[in-house]
C-alpha atoms as a PDB file:
ATOM      1  CA  MET A   1     -51.192 -66.561   0.247  1.00  0.00           C
ATOM      2  CA  ILE A   2     -47.527 -65.853   0.767  1.00  0.00           C
ATOM      3  CA  GLU A   3     -46.573 -62.748   2.611  1.00  0.00           C
ATOM      4  CA  THR A   4     -43.593 -60.768   1.452  1.00  0.00           C
ATOM      5  CA  PRO A   5     -41.476 -58.997   3.995  1.00  0.00           C
ATOM      6  CA  GLN A   6     -42.198 -55.326   4.194  1.00  0.00           C
ATOM      7  CA  GLU A   7     -39.581 -53.302   2.417  1.00  0.00           C
ATOM      8  CA  THR A   8     -38.080 -50.395   4.275  1.00  0.00           C
ATOM      9  CA  PRO A   9     -37.999 -47.124   2.374  1.00  0.00           C
ATOM     10  CA  ARG A  10     -34.526 -46.294   1.098  1.00  0.00           C
ATOM     11  CA  ARG A  11     -32.947 -42.920   1.819  1.00  0.00           C
ATOM     12  CA  ARG A  12     -31.889 -40.863  -1.091  1.00  0.00           C
ATOM     13  CA  PRO A  13     -28.201 -40.007  -1.186  1.00  0.00           C
ATOM     14  CA  GLY A  14     -27.436 -36.423  -0.077  1.00  0.00           C
ATOM     15  CA  PHE A  15     -26.972 -34.261   2.971  1.00  0.00           C
ATOM     16  CA  THR A  16     -29.459 -33.469   5.683  1.00  0.00           C
ATOM     17  CA  LEU A  17     -30.281 -29.915   6.639  1.00  0.00           C
ATOM     18  CA  LEU A  18     -28.450 -30.372   9.923  1.00  0.00           C
ATOM     19  CA  GLU A  19     -25.257 -31.470   8.178  1.00  0.00           C
ATOM     20  CA  ILE A  20     -25.373 -28.470   5.857  1.00  0.00           C
ATOM     21  CA  LEU A  21     -25.902 -26.085   8.802  1.00  0.00           C
ATOM     22  CA  VAL A  22     -22.919 -27.567  10.642  1.00  0.00           C
ATOM     23  CA  VAL A  23     -20.682 -27.097   7.594  1.00  0.00           C
ATOM     24  CA  ILE A  24     -21.875 -23.487   7.170  1.00  0.00           C
ATOM     25  CA  ALA A  25     -21.195 -22.771  10.852  1.00  0.00           C
ATOM     26  CA  ILE A  26     -17.662 -24.206  10.586  1.00  0.00           C
ATOM     27  CA  LEU A  27     -16.957 -22.167   7.444  1.00  0.00           C
ATOM     28  CA  GLY A  28     -18.246 -19.039   9.167  1.00  0.00           C
ATOM     29  CA  LEU A  29     -15.918 -19.610  12.119  1.00  0.00           C
ATOM     30  CA  LEU A  30     -12.935 -20.169   9.840  1.00  0.00           C
ATOM     31  CA  ILE A  31     -13.657 -17.012   7.844  1.00  0.00           C
ATOM     32  CA  GLY A  32     -14.098 -15.061  11.077  1.00  0.00           C
ATOM     33  CA  LEU A  33     -10.695 -16.185  12.298  1.00  0.00           C
ATOM     34  CA  VAL A  34      -8.732 -15.994   9.040  1.00  0.00           C
ATOM     35  CA  ALA A  35     -10.107 -12.790   7.473  1.00  0.00           C
ATOM     36  CA  PRO A  36      -8.801 -10.363  10.148  1.00  0.00           C
ATOM     37  CA  ALA A  37      -5.316 -11.885   9.933  1.00  0.00           C
ATOM     38  CA  ALA A  38      -5.351 -11.622   6.137  1.00  0.00           C
ATOM     39  CA  LEU A  39      -6.450  -7.966   6.311  1.00  0.00           C
ATOM     40  CA  ARG A  40      -3.644  -7.187   8.782  1.00  0.00           C
ATOM     41  CA  GLN A  41      -1.171  -8.713   6.334  1.00  0.00           C
ATOM     42  CA  LEU A  42      -2.564  -6.537   3.541  1.00  0.00           C
ATOM     43  CA  GLY A  43      -2.068  -3.400   5.637  1.00  0.00           C
ATOM     44  CA  GLY A  44       1.497  -4.428   6.422  1.00  0.00           C
ATOM     45  CA  ALA A  45       2.170  -5.023   2.741  1.00  0.00           C
ATOM     46  CA  LYS A  46       1.090  -1.487   1.858  1.00  0.00           C
ATOM     47  CA  ASN A  47       3.445  -0.109   4.504  1.00  0.00           C
ATOM     48  CA  SER A  48       6.296  -2.167   3.012  1.00  0.00           C
ATOM     49  CA  VAL A  49       5.488  -0.921  -0.491  1.00  0.00           C
ATOM     50  CA  ALA A  50       5.481   2.679   0.780  1.00  0.00           C
ATOM     51  CA  LYS A  51       8.895   2.217   2.445  1.00  0.00           C
ATOM     52  CA  GLN A  52      10.370   0.656  -0.696  1.00  0.00           C
ATOM     53  CA  SER A  53       8.928   3.394  -2.904  1.00  0.00           C
ATOM     54  CA  ILE A  54      10.363   6.081  -0.635  1.00  0.00           C
ATOM     55  CA  GLU A  55      13.787   4.403  -0.804  1.00  0.00           C
ATOM     56  CA  ARG A  56      13.566   4.250  -4.608  1.00  0.00           C
ATOM     57  CA  LEU A  57      12.486   7.894  -4.842  1.00  0.00           C
ATOM     58  CA  SER A  58      15.327   8.865  -2.495  1.00  0.00           C
ATOM     59  CA  THR A  59      17.773   7.194  -4.881  1.00  0.00           C
ATOM     60  CA  VAL A  60      16.238   9.079  -7.802  1.00  0.00           C
ATOM     61  CA  LEU A  61      16.512  12.340  -5.853  1.00  0.00           C
ATOM     62  CA  ASP A  62      20.206  11.579  -5.267  1.00  0.00           C
ATOM     63  CA  LEU A  63      20.669  11.137  -9.045  1.00  0.00           C
ATOM     64  CA  TYR A  64      18.951  14.491  -9.579  1.00  0.00           C
ATOM     65  CA  LYS A  65      21.323  16.087  -7.047  1.00  0.00           C
ATOM     66  CA  LEU A  66      24.342  14.597  -8.861  1.00  0.00           C
ATOM     67  CA  ASP A  67      23.193  16.191 -12.132  1.00  0.00           C
ATOM     68  CA  ILE A  68      21.976  19.553 -10.815  1.00  0.00           C
ATOM     69  CA  GLY A  69      24.036  20.051  -7.658  1.00  0.00           C
ATOM     70  CA  SER A  70      21.072  20.321  -5.300  1.00  0.00           C
ATOM     71  CA  TYR A  71      17.775  18.657  -4.530  1.00  0.00           C
ATOM     72  CA  PRO A  72      14.591  20.112  -6.048  1.00  0.00           C
ATOM     73  CA  ASN A  73      13.290  22.999  -4.000  1.00  0.00           C
ATOM     74  CA  ALA A  74       9.883  22.939  -2.299  1.00  0.00           C
ATOM     75  CA  ARG A  75       8.215  24.776  -5.194  1.00  0.00           C
ATOM     76  CA  GLN A  76       9.574  22.336  -7.787  1.00  0.00           C
ATOM     77  CA  GLY A  77       8.759  19.285  -5.675  1.00  0.00           C
ATOM     78  CA  LEU A  78       8.838  15.770  -7.076  1.00  0.00           C
ATOM     79  CA  GLN A  79       7.544  17.110 -10.394  1.00  0.00           C
ATOM     80  CA  ALA A  80      11.171  18.145 -11.064  1.00  0.00           C
ATOM     81  CA  LEU A  81      11.953  14.447 -11.519  1.00  0.00           C
ATOM     82  CA  ILE A  82       9.495  14.268 -14.425  1.00  0.00           C
ATOM     83  CA  ALA A  83       9.800  17.614 -16.234  1.00  0.00           C
ATOM     84  CA  GLN A  84      12.709  20.029 -16.304  1.00  0.00           C
ATOM     85  CA  PRO A  85      12.045  22.995 -14.019  1.00  0.00           C
ATOM     86  CA  ASP A  86      12.536  26.507 -15.382  1.00  0.00           C
ATOM     87  CA  GLY A  87      16.060  27.818 -15.015  1.00  0.00           C
ATOM     88  CA  VAL A  88      17.614  24.473 -14.062  1.00  0.00           C
ATOM     89  CA  ARG A  89      20.753  23.523 -15.965  1.00  0.00           C
ATOM     90  CA  GLY A  90      22.247  20.060 -16.182  1.00  0.00           C
ATOM     91  CA  TRP A  91      18.868  18.332 -15.898  1.00  0.00           C
ATOM     92  CA  ASN A  92      19.283  14.876 -17.407  1.00  0.00           C
ATOM     93  CA  GLY A  93      15.764  13.507 -17.001  1.00  0.00           C
ATOM     94  CA  PRO A  94      13.101  12.498 -16.899  1.00  0.00           C
ATOM     95  CA  TYR A  95      14.173  10.575 -13.831  1.00  0.00           C
ATOM     96  CA  LEU A  96      10.829   8.778 -13.509  1.00  0.00           C
ATOM     97  CA  LYS A  97       8.895   6.994 -16.250  1.00  0.00           C
ATOM     98  CA  SER A  98       5.470   8.195 -15.156  1.00  0.00           C
ATOM     99  CA  ALA A  99       3.982  11.418 -16.490  1.00  0.00           C
ATOM    100  CA  THR A 100       2.637  12.428 -13.074  1.00  0.00           C
ATOM    101  CA  ALA A 101       4.138  12.793  -9.624  1.00  0.00           C
ATOM    102  CA  PRO A 102       4.290   9.493  -7.727  1.00  0.00           C
ATOM    103  CA  VAL A 103       1.588   8.548  -5.231  1.00  0.00           C
ATOM    104  CA  ASP A 104       1.758   6.264  -2.205  1.00  0.00           C
ATOM    105  CA  PRO A 105      -0.068   2.897  -1.918  1.00  0.00           C
ATOM    106  CA  TRP A 106      -3.134   4.735  -0.574  1.00  0.00           C
ATOM    107  CA  ASN A 107      -3.197   6.850  -3.773  1.00  0.00           C
ATOM    108  CA  ARG A 108      -2.119  10.083  -2.069  1.00  0.00           C
ATOM    109  CA  PRO A 109       0.866  12.207  -3.108  1.00  0.00           C
ATOM    110  CA  TYR A 110       4.092  11.868  -1.157  1.00  0.00           C
ATOM    111  CA  VAL A 111       5.018  14.756   1.106  1.00  0.00           C
ATOM    112  CA  TYR A 112       8.310  16.332  -0.032  1.00  0.00           C
ATOM    113  CA  ARG A 113       9.872  19.086   2.081  1.00  0.00           C
ATOM    114  CA  VAL A 114      13.094  21.007   1.585  1.00  0.00           C
ATOM    115  CA  PRO A 115      14.715  21.727   3.993  1.00  0.00           C
ATOM    116  CA  SER A 116      13.921  18.805   6.256  1.00  0.00           C
ATOM    117  CA  LEU A 117      12.128  19.298   9.548  1.00  0.00           C
ATOM    118  CA  ARG A 118      14.343  16.548  10.973  1.00  0.00           C
ATOM    119  CA  LYS A 119      17.896  17.248  12.059  1.00  0.00           C
ATOM    120  CA  GLY A 120      20.676  15.934   9.828  1.00  0.00           C
ATOM    121  CA  LEU A 121      18.575  15.380   6.685  1.00  0.00           C
ATOM    122  CA  ASP A 122      18.490  17.453   3.509  1.00  0.00           C
ATOM    123  CA  TYR A 123      14.821  16.758   2.779  1.00  0.00           C
ATOM    124  CA  ASP A 124      11.766  14.899   4.042  1.00  0.00           C
ATOM    125  CA  LEU A 125      10.063  12.394   1.774  1.00  0.00           C
ATOM    126  CA  CYS A 126       7.054  10.847   3.477  1.00  0.00           C
ATOM    127  CA  SER A 127       3.786   9.044   2.988  1.00  0.00           C
ATOM    128  CA  THR A 128       1.000  10.127   5.307  1.00  0.00           C
ATOM    129  CA  GLY A 129       0.257   6.447   5.911  1.00  0.00           C
ATOM    130  CA  PRO A 130      -3.061   4.643   5.965  1.00  0.00           C
ATOM    131  CA  ASN A 131      -5.025   7.392   7.723  1.00  0.00           C
ATOM    132  CA  GLY A 132      -3.713  10.184   5.458  1.00  0.00           C
ATOM    133  CA  GLN A 133      -3.746  12.830   8.153  1.00  0.00           C
ATOM    134  CA  ALA A 134      -1.493  15.764   7.460  1.00  0.00           C
ATOM    135  CA  ASN A 135       0.146  17.878  10.125  1.00  0.00           C
ATOM    136  CA  ASP A 136       2.935  20.422  10.476  1.00  0.00           C
ATOM    137  CA  GLY A 137       5.517  17.877  11.585  1.00  0.00           C
ATOM    138  CA  VAL A 138       6.095  14.274  10.771  1.00  0.00           C
ATOM    139  CA  GLY A 139       3.148  12.352  12.205  1.00  0.00           C
ATOM    140  CA  SER A 140       3.491   9.159  14.167  1.00  0.00           C
ATOM    141  CA  GLU A 141       1.850   7.118  11.406  1.00  0.00           C
ATOM    142  CA  TRP A 142       3.823   8.753   8.636  1.00  0.00           C
ATOM    143  CA  ILE A 143       6.299   6.603   6.712  1.00  0.00           C
ATOM    144  CA  CYS A 144       9.433   8.625   5.938  1.00  0.00           C
ATOM    145  CA  ASN A 145      12.926   8.358   4.460  1.00  0.00           C
END
């Protein structure tokens, strides 16, 4: 009788449990390192959008002043850029396309004050920033013109 050499069992192609766990651990570390940086960038982007929006609204307020002769008063607010206030002559709007007063990137209304609480400015146009805390003055996290 002729003996045949014993065949060794072949491994199926694929990954072992250990290999999969190592890959999951590496992915977890990468996400843990990258996600906070990405979230910081997102917060910075919202601040940039708020600053740009305030600059754009300031330009629109200047156009309003050219037409009317003064900035909207505190009672009229930014709504004066959308609908003609009572008793205002020379209004050449609407100055904004939207039907509602503009909101900041955190979906809160901008703070508009006339006269300004800051020396040398005609008005304050601010976003309360990411925390949205209001106060009597201009807060440290506020984004203003």
